[in-house]
Amino acid sequence: MTERAEKGTYGYVDYQKQKLLFKTLGEFLAVSFIFCGGYLICGTKNNICTVIAIVLVLPAVRSLVRYLMFVKAASPDKEQYGLLLGKTAGFPLLSDCITTCRSKNVYVRFAVVTDTMIYCYAKDCVLIAADFESGISEFIASCGDTVGVKLYTEFDLFLKRVAALHSVENKEKKIERIKNDFLILVL
């Protein structure tokens, strides 16, 4: 199994995929075992084990849905991550963030948080960039901080913007608060 990774750290998506796959399979096996055991013991599906199995299907399906949210994503390129680490100028670098924002989930491969902006990189999100940016900004504003959000769909532009952050003042307490608010939206 992949090494344990916390929300917002590199490798989180791969870790969650493996964890949720095993959890989902285990839950469905338990449901099947309980149902089949009740049927074999009683000779009919009309027994308490069937009721228990039906109730236990709900958490199993919930795990399956969570797994399906992660299945299309994969942790970003390790080289890109290493390249970004050296350029963040002490600002938090978040990785592997599948965000839930309004009606669409967006896989933010990397995000850098400052006290006034959150810079995000996500492939193939040109059509929903404005909706994503306003949704994240509004959520963080509802938590008490004003912050702008910029979504980049090209890694080179994102890298140039992150490299220019060395001249920005680092207000650690506010940045940590904004980072934690952003991570609330991450699956």
N, C-alpha and C. Protein backbone atom coordinates (compact mmCIF):
# COMPACT_ATOMS: atom_id res chain seq x y z
N MET A 1 0.85 -1.19 0.00
CA MET A 1 0.00 0.00 0.00
C MET A 1 0.89 1.24 0.00
N THR A 2 0.41 2.28 -0.66
CA THR A 2 1.13 3.54 -0.72
C THR A 2 1.28 4.11 0.69
N GLU A 3 2.39 4.82 0.89
CA GLU A 3 2.66 5.42 2.19
C GLU A 3 1.55 6.43 2.54
N ARG A 4 1.18 6.48 3.81
CA ARG A 4 0.11 7.37 4.27
C ARG A 4 0.42 8.81 3.91
N ALA A 5 -0.56 9.48 3.36
CA ALA A 5 -0.42 10.88 2.97
C ALA A 5 -1.61 11.67 3.49
N GLU A 6 -1.34 12.84 4.02
CA GLU A 6 -2.39 13.71 4.54
C GLU A 6 -2.99 14.55 3.42
N LYS A 7 -4.16 15.07 3.67
CA LYS A 7 -4.86 15.92 2.70
C LYS A 7 -3.97 17.10 2.33
N GLY A 8 -3.80 17.32 1.03
CA GLY A 8 -3.00 18.45 0.56
C GLY A 8 -1.53 18.13 0.36
N THR A 9 -1.10 16.90 0.64
CA THR A 9 0.30 16.53 0.46
C THR A 9 0.45 15.65 -0.77
N TYR A 10 1.67 15.59 -1.28
CA TYR A 10 1.93 14.80 -2.48
C TYR A 10 1.68 13.32 -2.20
N GLY A 11 0.97 12.67 -3.10
CA GLY A 11 0.65 11.25 -2.98
C GLY A 11 -0.69 10.96 -2.33
N TYR A 12 -1.42 11.99 -1.93
CA TYR A 12 -2.69 11.81 -1.24
C TYR A 12 -3.71 11.07 -2.10
N VAL A 13 -3.81 11.41 -3.38
CA VAL A 13 -4.79 10.79 -4.27
C VAL A 13 -4.50 9.29 -4.41
N ASP A 14 -3.25 8.94 -4.64
CA ASP A 14 -2.90 7.52 -4.78
C ASP A 14 -3.18 6.75 -3.48
N TYR A 15 -2.86 7.37 -2.35
CA TYR A 15 -3.12 6.73 -1.06
C TYR A 15 -4.62 6.52 -0.85
N GLN A 16 -5.41 7.55 -1.12
CA GLN A 16 -6.87 7.44 -0.93
C GLN A 16 -7.48 6.40 -1.86
N LYS A 17 -6.99 6.33 -3.10
CA LYS A 17 -7.52 5.33 -4.03
C LYS A 17 -7.31 3.93 -3.48
N GLN A 18 -6.11 3.64 -3.01
CA GLN A 18 -5.83 2.30 -2.47
C GLN A 18 -6.65 2.04 -1.21
N LYS A 19 -6.67 3.00 -0.32
CA LYS A 19 -7.39 2.83 0.95
C LYS A 19 -8.89 2.59 0.69
N LEU A 20 -9.48 3.40 -0.18
CA LEU A 20 -10.91 3.28 -0.45
C LEU A 20 -11.24 2.01 -1.23
N LEU A 21 -10.32 1.56 -2.08
CA LEU A 21 -10.56 0.31 -2.80
C LEU A 21 -10.64 -0.86 -1.83
N PHE A 22 -9.67 -0.95 -0.91
CA PHE A 22 -9.68 -2.04 0.07
C PHE A 22 -10.88 -1.94 1.00
N LYS A 23 -11.21 -0.73 1.42
CA LYS A 23 -12.36 -0.54 2.31
C LYS A 23 -13.66 -0.94 1.61
N THR A 24 -13.83 -0.52 0.37
CA THR A 24 -15.04 -0.83 -0.39
C THR A 24 -15.18 -2.33 -0.61
N LEU A 25 -14.10 -2.96 -1.04
CA LEU A 25 -14.13 -4.41 -1.26
C LEU A 25 -14.45 -5.15 0.04
N GLY A 26 -13.85 -4.72 1.13
CA GLY A 26 -14.10 -5.35 2.43
C GLY A 26 -15.56 -5.20 2.86
N GLU A 27 -16.11 -4.02 2.66
CA GLU A 27 -17.50 -3.79 3.06
C GLU A 27 -18.47 -4.62 2.22
N PHE A 28 -18.24 -4.70 0.91
CA PHE A 28 -19.11 -5.51 0.06
C PHE A 28 -18.95 -7.00 0.35
N LEU A 29 -17.74 -7.43 0.68
CA LEU A 29 -17.54 -8.83 1.08
C LEU A 29 -18.28 -9.13 2.37
N ALA A 30 -18.25 -8.22 3.33
CA ALA A 30 -18.96 -8.41 4.59
C ALA A 30 -20.47 -8.50 4.35
N VAL A 31 -21.00 -7.63 3.50
CA VAL A 31 -22.43 -7.67 3.18
C VAL A 31 -22.79 -9.01 2.54
N SER A 32 -21.97 -9.44 1.59
CA SER A 32 -22.23 -10.72 0.91
C SER A 32 -22.15 -11.89 1.89
N PHE A 33 -21.16 -11.87 2.77
CA PHE A 33 -20.98 -12.94 3.75
C PHE A 33 -22.19 -13.01 4.68
N ILE A 34 -22.65 -11.87 5.17
CA ILE A 34 -23.80 -11.84 6.09
C ILE A 34 -25.06 -12.34 5.39
N PHE A 35 -25.29 -11.85 4.17
CA PHE A 35 -26.49 -12.27 3.44
C PHE A 35 -26.45 -13.77 3.13
N CYS A 36 -25.33 -14.24 2.59
CA CYS A 36 -25.21 -15.67 2.24
C CYS A 36 -25.25 -16.56 3.48
N GLY A 37 -24.61 -16.11 4.55
CA GLY A 37 -24.65 -16.88 5.80
C GLY A 37 -26.06 -17.03 6.32
N GLY A 38 -26.83 -15.95 6.30
CA GLY A 38 -28.22 -16.00 6.74
C GLY A 38 -29.06 -16.90 5.85
N TYR A 39 -28.80 -16.84 4.56
CA TYR A 39 -29.55 -17.69 3.63
C TYR A 39 -29.22 -19.17 3.84
N LEU A 40 -27.94 -19.47 4.05
CA LEU A 40 -27.54 -20.87 4.27
C LEU A 40 -28.07 -21.42 5.59
N ILE A 41 -28.08 -20.59 6.62
CA ILE A 41 -28.55 -21.03 7.93
C ILE A 41 -30.07 -21.19 7.94
N CYS A 42 -30.80 -20.22 7.41
CA CYS A 42 -32.27 -20.22 7.49
C CYS A 42 -32.95 -20.86 6.28
N GLY A 43 -32.24 -20.99 5.18
CA GLY A 43 -32.84 -21.57 3.99
C GLY A 43 -33.76 -20.63 3.24
N THR A 44 -33.82 -19.39 3.64
CA THR A 44 -34.65 -18.38 2.98
C THR A 44 -34.00 -17.01 3.15
N LYS A 45 -34.35 -16.10 2.24
CA LYS A 45 -33.78 -14.75 2.38
C LYS A 45 -34.58 -13.90 3.38
N ASN A 46 -35.67 -14.38 3.87
CA ASN A 46 -36.50 -13.66 4.83
C ASN A 46 -36.00 -13.92 6.24
N ASN A 47 -34.91 -13.24 6.62
CA ASN A 47 -34.35 -13.41 7.97
C ASN A 47 -33.66 -12.12 8.39
N ILE A 48 -33.22 -12.06 9.62
CA ILE A 48 -32.60 -10.85 10.18
C ILE A 48 -31.27 -10.53 9.50
N CYS A 49 -30.57 -11.55 9.00
CA CYS A 49 -29.29 -11.31 8.32
C CYS A 49 -29.50 -10.51 7.03
N THR A 50 -30.62 -10.73 6.35
CA THR A 50 -30.92 -9.96 5.15
C THR A 50 -31.12 -8.50 5.50
N VAL A 51 -31.81 -8.23 6.59
CA VAL A 51 -32.02 -6.85 7.03
C VAL A 51 -30.69 -6.20 7.37
N ILE A 52 -29.84 -6.92 8.08
CA ILE A 52 -28.51 -6.39 8.44
C ILE A 52 -27.70 -6.11 7.18
N ALA A 53 -27.74 -7.03 6.23
CA ALA A 53 -27.00 -6.85 4.98
C ALA A 53 -27.50 -5.62 4.21
N ILE A 54 -28.80 -5.43 4.19
CA ILE A 54 -29.38 -4.28 3.49
C ILE A 54 -28.92 -2.97 4.14
N VAL A 55 -28.90 -2.95 5.46
CA VAL A 55 -28.46 -1.75 6.17
C VAL A 55 -26.97 -1.49 5.92
N LEU A 56 -26.18 -2.57 5.86
CA LEU A 56 -24.74 -2.41 5.66
C LEU A 56 -24.37 -2.08 4.21
N VAL A 57 -25.30 -2.20 3.29
CA VAL A 57 -25.01 -1.82 1.91
C VAL A 57 -24.82 -0.31 1.80
N LEU A 58 -25.51 0.46 2.61
CA LEU A 58 -25.42 1.92 2.51
C LEU A 58 -24.00 2.44 2.73
N PRO A 59 -23.30 2.05 3.81
CA PRO A 59 -21.92 2.52 3.95
C PRO A 59 -21.00 1.97 2.85
N ALA A 60 -21.29 0.76 2.38
CA ALA A 60 -20.46 0.18 1.31
C ALA A 60 -20.61 0.99 0.02
N VAL A 61 -21.82 1.40 -0.30
CA VAL A 61 -22.05 2.21 -1.50
C VAL A 61 -21.42 3.59 -1.34
N ARG A 62 -21.48 4.13 -0.13
CA ARG A 62 -20.83 5.43 0.13
C ARG A 62 -19.34 5.33 -0.13
N SER A 63 -18.71 4.26 0.32
CA SER A 63 -17.28 4.05 0.06
C SER A 63 -17.01 3.90 -1.43
N LEU A 64 -17.90 3.21 -2.12
CA LEU A 64 -17.74 3.04 -3.57
C LEU A 64 -17.81 4.38 -4.29
N VAL A 65 -18.74 5.22 -3.90
CA VAL A 65 -18.87 6.54 -4.52
C VAL A 65 -17.62 7.37 -4.26
N ARG A 66 -17.11 7.35 -3.04
CA ARG A 66 -15.87 8.07 -2.73
C ARG A 66 -14.71 7.54 -3.56
N TYR A 67 -14.64 6.22 -3.72
CA TYR A 67 -13.57 5.62 -4.54
C TYR A 67 -13.70 6.10 -5.98
N LEU A 68 -14.91 6.13 -6.51
CA LEU A 68 -15.11 6.56 -7.90
C LEU A 68 -14.72 8.02 -8.11
N MET A 69 -14.80 8.83 -7.06
CA MET A 69 -14.36 10.23 -7.16
C MET A 69 -12.85 10.31 -7.37
N PHE A 70 -12.12 9.37 -6.80
CA PHE A 70 -10.66 9.38 -6.88
C PHE A 70 -10.10 8.59 -8.06
N VAL A 71 -10.90 7.67 -8.63
CA VAL A 71 -10.37 6.71 -9.58
C VAL A 71 -9.82 7.36 -10.86
N LYS A 72 -10.38 8.46 -11.30
CA LYS A 72 -9.90 9.10 -12.52
C LYS A 72 -8.63 9.91 -12.30
N ALA A 73 -8.34 10.28 -11.07
CA ALA A 73 -7.18 11.12 -10.78
C ALA A 73 -5.96 10.27 -10.41
N ALA A 74 -4.80 10.85 -10.62
CA ALA A 74 -3.55 10.22 -10.19
C ALA A 74 -2.65 11.34 -9.66
N SER A 75 -1.79 11.01 -8.72
CA SER A 75 -0.89 12.02 -8.19
C SER A 75 -0.07 12.62 -9.32
N PRO A 76 0.19 13.93 -9.25
CA PRO A 76 0.90 14.60 -10.34
C PRO A 76 2.34 14.12 -10.47
N ASP A 77 3.00 14.59 -11.50
CA ASP A 77 4.37 14.22 -11.81
C ASP A 77 5.31 14.63 -10.67
N LYS A 78 6.12 13.70 -10.24
CA LYS A 78 7.07 13.95 -9.13
C LYS A 78 8.08 15.03 -9.50
N GLU A 79 8.48 15.10 -10.77
CA GLU A 79 9.43 16.11 -11.21
C GLU A 79 8.83 17.51 -11.09
N GLN A 80 7.57 17.65 -11.47
CA GLN A 80 6.90 18.95 -11.34
C GLN A 80 6.82 19.35 -9.88
N TYR A 81 6.50 18.39 -9.02
CA TYR A 81 6.41 18.68 -7.59
C TYR A 81 7.77 19.15 -7.05
N GLY A 82 8.83 18.45 -7.41
CA GLY A 82 10.17 18.83 -6.97
C GLY A 82 10.57 20.20 -7.47
N LEU A 83 10.21 20.50 -8.70
CA LEU A 83 10.50 21.80 -9.29
C LEU A 83 9.78 22.91 -8.53
N LEU A 84 8.53 22.67 -8.17
CA LEU A 84 7.75 23.68 -7.45
C LEU A 84 8.24 23.89 -6.02
N LEU A 85 8.68 22.81 -5.38
CA LEU A 85 9.12 22.93 -3.98
C LEU A 85 10.21 23.98 -3.81
N GLY A 86 11.11 24.05 -4.76
CA GLY A 86 12.20 25.01 -4.66
C GLY A 86 11.81 26.43 -4.98
N LYS A 87 10.63 26.66 -5.50
CA LYS A 87 10.24 28.00 -5.95
C LYS A 87 9.12 28.63 -5.14
N THR A 88 8.62 27.99 -4.12
CA THR A 88 7.46 28.53 -3.40
C THR A 88 7.79 29.63 -2.40
N ALA A 89 9.06 29.92 -2.19
CA ALA A 89 9.49 31.02 -1.32
C ALA A 89 8.89 30.93 0.08
N GLY A 90 8.76 29.72 0.60
CA GLY A 90 8.26 29.53 1.96
C GLY A 90 6.75 29.49 2.09
N PHE A 91 6.05 29.67 1.01
CA PHE A 91 4.60 29.58 1.04
C PHE A 91 4.18 28.11 0.95
N PRO A 92 3.04 27.75 1.55
CA PRO A 92 2.61 26.35 1.52
C PRO A 92 2.30 25.88 0.10
N LEU A 93 2.82 24.71 -0.25
CA LEU A 93 2.53 24.07 -1.52
C LEU A 93 1.61 22.89 -1.25
N LEU A 94 0.40 22.95 -1.77
CA LEU A 94 -0.55 21.86 -1.62
C LEU A 94 -0.57 21.05 -2.90
N SER A 95 -0.81 19.78 -2.77
CA SER A 95 -0.82 18.90 -3.93
C SER A 95 -1.97 17.91 -3.80
N ASP A 96 -2.39 17.33 -4.94
CA ASP A 96 -3.39 16.27 -4.96
C ASP A 96 -4.71 16.69 -4.31
N CYS A 97 -5.27 17.81 -4.73
CA CYS A 97 -6.49 18.33 -4.12
C CYS A 97 -7.68 18.17 -5.07
N ILE A 98 -8.54 17.21 -4.79
CA ILE A 98 -9.79 17.11 -5.53
C ILE A 98 -10.79 17.95 -4.76
N THR A 99 -11.12 19.10 -5.33
CA THR A 99 -11.97 20.05 -4.61
C THR A 99 -13.42 19.91 -5.03
N THR A 100 -14.28 20.14 -4.08
CA THR A 100 -15.72 20.17 -4.35
C THR A 100 -16.14 21.63 -4.31
N CYS A 101 -16.49 22.14 -5.45
CA CYS A 101 -16.84 23.55 -5.55
C CYS A 101 -18.08 23.70 -6.39
N ARG A 102 -19.14 24.15 -5.78
CA ARG A 102 -20.43 24.31 -6.43
C ARG A 102 -20.87 22.99 -7.05
N SER A 103 -21.04 22.96 -8.36
CA SER A 103 -21.61 21.76 -8.97
C SER A 103 -20.56 20.86 -9.62
N LYS A 104 -19.29 21.21 -9.55
CA LYS A 104 -18.26 20.47 -10.29
C LYS A 104 -17.07 20.18 -9.37
N ASN A 105 -16.54 18.98 -9.47
CA ASN A 105 -15.30 18.65 -8.78
C ASN A 105 -14.13 19.00 -9.69
N VAL A 106 -13.11 19.60 -9.12
CA VAL A 106 -11.93 19.99 -9.89
C VAL A 106 -10.71 19.37 -9.23
N TYR A 107 -9.90 18.70 -10.05
CA TYR A 107 -8.66 18.11 -9.54
C TYR A 107 -7.54 19.14 -9.64
N VAL A 108 -7.25 19.79 -8.54
CA VAL A 108 -6.18 20.77 -8.46
C VAL A 108 -4.90 20.00 -8.15
N ARG A 109 -4.01 19.95 -9.13
CA ARG A 109 -2.77 19.19 -8.95
C ARG A 109 -1.85 19.88 -7.95
N PHE A 110 -1.75 21.21 -8.05
CA PHE A 110 -0.91 21.97 -7.13
C PHE A 110 -1.62 23.28 -6.78
N ALA A 111 -1.40 23.74 -5.56
CA ALA A 111 -1.91 25.05 -5.14
C ALA A 111 -0.88 25.68 -4.21
N VAL A 112 -0.66 26.97 -4.39
CA VAL A 112 0.22 27.72 -3.51
C VAL A 112 -0.62 28.80 -2.85
N VAL A 113 -0.53 28.88 -1.53
CA VAL A 113 -1.38 29.79 -0.75
C VAL A 113 -0.55 30.95 -0.23
N THR A 114 -1.00 32.18 -0.52
CA THR A 114 -0.41 33.37 0.09
C THR A 114 -1.50 34.02 0.95
N ASP A 115 -1.20 35.17 1.54
CA ASP A 115 -2.19 35.83 2.39
C ASP A 115 -3.28 36.53 1.59
N THR A 116 -3.08 36.72 0.28
CA THR A 116 -4.08 37.40 -0.53
C THR A 116 -4.58 36.57 -1.72
N MET A 117 -3.87 35.50 -2.06
CA MET A 117 -4.22 34.73 -3.26
C MET A 117 -3.99 33.23 -3.03
N ILE A 118 -4.75 32.44 -3.77
CA ILE A 118 -4.48 31.01 -3.89
C ILE A 118 -4.27 30.76 -5.38
N TYR A 119 -3.08 30.32 -5.72
CA TYR A 119 -2.74 30.02 -7.11
C TYR A 119 -2.88 28.51 -7.30
N CYS A 120 -3.71 28.09 -8.24
CA CYS A 120 -3.99 26.67 -8.46
C CYS A 120 -3.59 26.26 -9.87
N TYR A 121 -3.14 25.03 -9.99
CA TYR A 121 -2.85 24.45 -11.30
C TYR A 121 -3.71 23.20 -11.48
N ALA A 122 -4.50 23.21 -12.55
CA ALA A 122 -5.34 22.06 -12.89
C ALA A 122 -5.39 21.95 -14.41
N LYS A 123 -5.18 20.76 -14.90
CA LYS A 123 -5.25 20.54 -16.35
C LYS A 123 -6.70 20.54 -16.81
N ASP A 124 -6.92 20.94 -18.04
CA ASP A 124 -8.21 20.79 -18.72
C ASP A 124 -9.40 21.39 -17.97
N CYS A 125 -9.24 22.55 -17.39
CA CYS A 125 -10.35 23.19 -16.66
C CYS A 125 -10.64 24.59 -17.18
N VAL A 126 -10.34 24.84 -18.43
CA VAL A 126 -10.50 26.19 -19.00
C VAL A 126 -11.94 26.66 -18.91
N LEU A 127 -12.89 25.80 -19.21
CA LEU A 127 -14.29 26.20 -19.27
C LEU A 127 -14.89 26.56 -17.92
N ILE A 128 -14.34 26.01 -16.84
CA ILE A 128 -14.93 26.26 -15.53
C ILE A 128 -14.04 27.12 -14.63
N ALA A 129 -13.01 27.72 -15.17
CA ALA A 129 -12.05 28.47 -14.36
C ALA A 129 -12.72 29.59 -13.56
N ALA A 130 -13.53 30.40 -14.21
CA ALA A 130 -14.17 31.54 -13.52
C ALA A 130 -15.11 31.05 -12.42
N ASP A 131 -15.87 30.00 -12.69
CA ASP A 131 -16.77 29.45 -11.69
C ASP A 131 -15.99 28.88 -10.50
N PHE A 132 -14.91 28.18 -10.78
CA PHE A 132 -14.07 27.62 -9.72
C PHE A 132 -13.48 28.74 -8.86
N GLU A 133 -12.91 29.74 -9.52
CA GLU A 133 -12.26 30.84 -8.79
C GLU A 133 -13.25 31.57 -7.88
N SER A 134 -14.42 31.89 -8.41
CA SER A 134 -15.40 32.62 -7.58
C SER A 134 -15.95 31.73 -6.47
N GLY A 135 -16.13 30.44 -6.74
CA GLY A 135 -16.64 29.53 -5.71
C GLY A 135 -15.69 29.38 -4.54
N ILE A 136 -14.41 29.22 -4.81
CA ILE A 136 -13.41 29.10 -3.74
C ILE A 136 -13.31 30.42 -2.97
N SER A 137 -13.27 31.53 -3.70
CA SER A 137 -13.19 32.86 -3.04
C SER A 137 -14.37 33.09 -2.11
N GLU A 138 -15.58 32.76 -2.59
CA GLU A 138 -16.78 32.96 -1.77
C GLU A 138 -16.76 32.07 -0.53
N PHE A 139 -16.30 30.83 -0.68
CA PHE A 139 -16.25 29.94 0.48
C PHE A 139 -15.28 30.47 1.52
N ILE A 140 -14.09 30.88 1.10
CA ILE A 140 -13.10 31.38 2.05
C ILE A 140 -13.57 32.69 2.67
N ALA A 141 -14.29 33.50 1.90
CA ALA A 141 -14.87 34.74 2.46
C ALA A 141 -15.89 34.40 3.54
N SER A 142 -16.65 33.31 3.35
CA SER A 142 -17.62 32.92 4.36
C SER A 142 -16.93 32.41 5.64
N CYS A 143 -15.67 32.04 5.52
CA CYS A 143 -14.89 31.61 6.69
C CYS A 143 -14.21 32.80 7.37
N GLY A 144 -14.29 33.99 6.77
CA GLY A 144 -13.77 35.19 7.43
C GLY A 144 -12.55 35.81 6.79
N ASP A 145 -12.03 35.29 5.70
CA ASP A 145 -10.86 35.87 5.05
C ASP A 145 -11.20 36.23 3.61
N THR A 146 -10.60 37.32 3.15
CA THR A 146 -10.77 37.72 1.76
C THR A 146 -9.54 37.27 0.98
N VAL A 147 -9.78 36.53 -0.08
CA VAL A 147 -8.66 36.02 -0.87
C VAL A 147 -9.11 35.87 -2.31
N GLY A 148 -8.19 36.11 -3.23
CA GLY A 148 -8.46 35.88 -4.64
C GLY A 148 -7.98 34.49 -5.01
N VAL A 149 -8.53 33.94 -6.07
CA VAL A 149 -8.13 32.62 -6.54
C VAL A 149 -7.84 32.72 -8.03
N LYS A 150 -6.73 32.14 -8.45
CA LYS A 150 -6.37 32.12 -9.87
C LYS A 150 -6.08 30.68 -10.25
N LEU A 151 -6.79 30.19 -11.27
CA LEU A 151 -6.62 28.82 -11.77
C LEU A 151 -5.82 28.85 -13.06
N TYR A 152 -4.70 28.16 -13.06
CA TYR A 152 -3.86 28.03 -14.26
C TYR A 152 -4.07 26.65 -14.85
N THR A 153 -4.14 26.59 -16.18
CA THR A 153 -4.28 25.31 -16.86
C THR A 153 -3.00 24.91 -17.58
N GLU A 154 -2.01 25.78 -17.57
CA GLU A 154 -0.71 25.48 -18.16
C GLU A 154 0.34 25.53 -17.06
N PHE A 155 1.11 24.45 -16.96
CA PHE A 155 2.08 24.34 -15.87
C PHE A 155 3.16 25.42 -15.96
N ASP A 156 3.62 25.75 -17.15
CA ASP A 156 4.70 26.74 -17.29
C ASP A 156 4.27 28.11 -16.76
N LEU A 157 3.03 28.53 -17.05
CA LEU A 157 2.54 29.80 -16.53
C LEU A 157 2.41 29.76 -15.00
N PHE A 158 1.93 28.64 -14.49
CA PHE A 158 1.81 28.47 -13.04
C PHE A 158 3.19 28.54 -12.38
N LEU A 159 4.17 27.88 -12.97
CA LEU A 159 5.53 27.87 -12.43
C LEU A 159 6.13 29.27 -12.43
N LYS A 160 5.91 30.04 -13.49
CA LYS A 160 6.41 31.42 -13.54
C LYS A 160 5.79 32.26 -12.44
N ARG A 161 4.48 32.08 -12.21
CA ARG A 161 3.81 32.87 -11.17
C ARG A 161 4.32 32.50 -9.78
N VAL A 162 4.51 31.21 -9.55
CA VAL A 162 5.02 30.75 -8.25
C VAL A 162 6.44 31.25 -8.04
N ALA A 163 7.25 31.25 -9.08
CA ALA A 163 8.63 31.72 -8.97
C ALA A 163 8.70 33.20 -8.64
N ALA A 164 7.68 33.97 -9.00
CA ALA A 164 7.65 35.41 -8.73
C ALA A 164 7.19 35.73 -7.31
N LEU A 165 6.85 34.71 -6.53
CA LEU A 165 6.34 34.96 -5.17
C LEU A 165 7.41 35.36 -4.16
N HIS A 166 8.67 35.30 -4.51
CA HIS A 166 9.73 35.61 -3.55
C HIS A 166 9.66 37.05 -3.04
N SER A 167 8.99 37.94 -3.77
CA SER A 167 8.89 39.34 -3.35
C SER A 167 7.65 39.61 -2.50
N VAL A 168 6.81 38.60 -2.28
CA VAL A 168 5.56 38.78 -1.52
C VAL A 168 5.83 38.52 -0.05
N GLU A 169 5.24 39.36 0.82
CA GLU A 169 5.40 39.19 2.27
C GLU A 169 4.66 37.94 2.75
N ASN A 170 5.28 37.20 3.64
CA ASN A 170 4.72 35.95 4.14
C ASN A 170 4.11 36.18 5.53
N LYS A 171 2.78 36.24 5.60
CA LYS A 171 2.06 36.39 6.87
C LYS A 171 1.57 35.00 7.27
N GLU A 172 2.37 34.29 8.05
CA GLU A 172 2.16 32.87 8.31
C GLU A 172 0.82 32.52 8.93
N LYS A 173 0.36 33.27 9.93
CA LYS A 173 -0.90 32.91 10.59
C LYS A 173 -2.09 33.00 9.64
N LYS A 174 -2.17 34.06 8.89
CA LYS A 174 -3.28 34.22 7.95
C LYS A 174 -3.20 33.17 6.85
N ILE A 175 -2.00 32.90 6.37
CA ILE A 175 -1.82 31.90 5.32
C ILE A 175 -2.25 30.52 5.81
N GLU A 176 -1.89 30.19 7.02
CA GLU A 176 -2.28 28.88 7.58
C GLU A 176 -3.79 28.77 7.70
N ARG A 177 -4.46 29.86 8.09
CA ARG A 177 -5.91 29.88 8.19
C ARG A 177 -6.56 29.69 6.81
N ILE A 178 -6.04 30.39 5.82
CA ILE A 178 -6.57 30.27 4.45
C ILE A 178 -6.33 28.87 3.91
N LYS A 179 -5.15 28.33 4.16
CA LYS A 179 -4.82 26.97 3.71
C LYS A 179 -5.80 25.96 4.32
N ASN A 180 -6.06 26.08 5.60
CA ASN A 180 -7.00 25.16 6.26
C ASN A 180 -8.42 25.31 5.72
N ASP A 181 -8.82 26.55 5.41
CA ASP A 181 -10.15 26.76 4.82
C ASP A 181 -10.23 26.12 3.44
N PHE A 182 -9.17 26.24 2.64
CA PHE A 182 -9.14 25.62 1.32
C PHE A 182 -9.21 24.10 1.43
N LEU A 183 -8.50 23.53 2.39
CA LEU A 183 -8.48 22.07 2.56
C LEU A 183 -9.83 21.51 2.99
N ILE A 184 -10.69 22.35 3.53
CA ILE A 184 -12.06 21.90 3.87
C ILE A 184 -12.78 21.45 2.60
N LEU A 185 -12.49 22.10 1.49
CA LEU A 185 -13.14 21.77 0.22
C LEU A 185 -12.54 20.55 -0.49
N VAL A 186 -11.44 20.02 0.04
CA VAL A 186 -10.76 18.89 -0.59
C VAL A 186 -11.34 17.59 -0.06
N LEU A 187 -11.63 16.66 -1.00
CA LEU A 187 -12.17 15.35 -0.61
C LEU A 187 -11.17 14.57 0.21
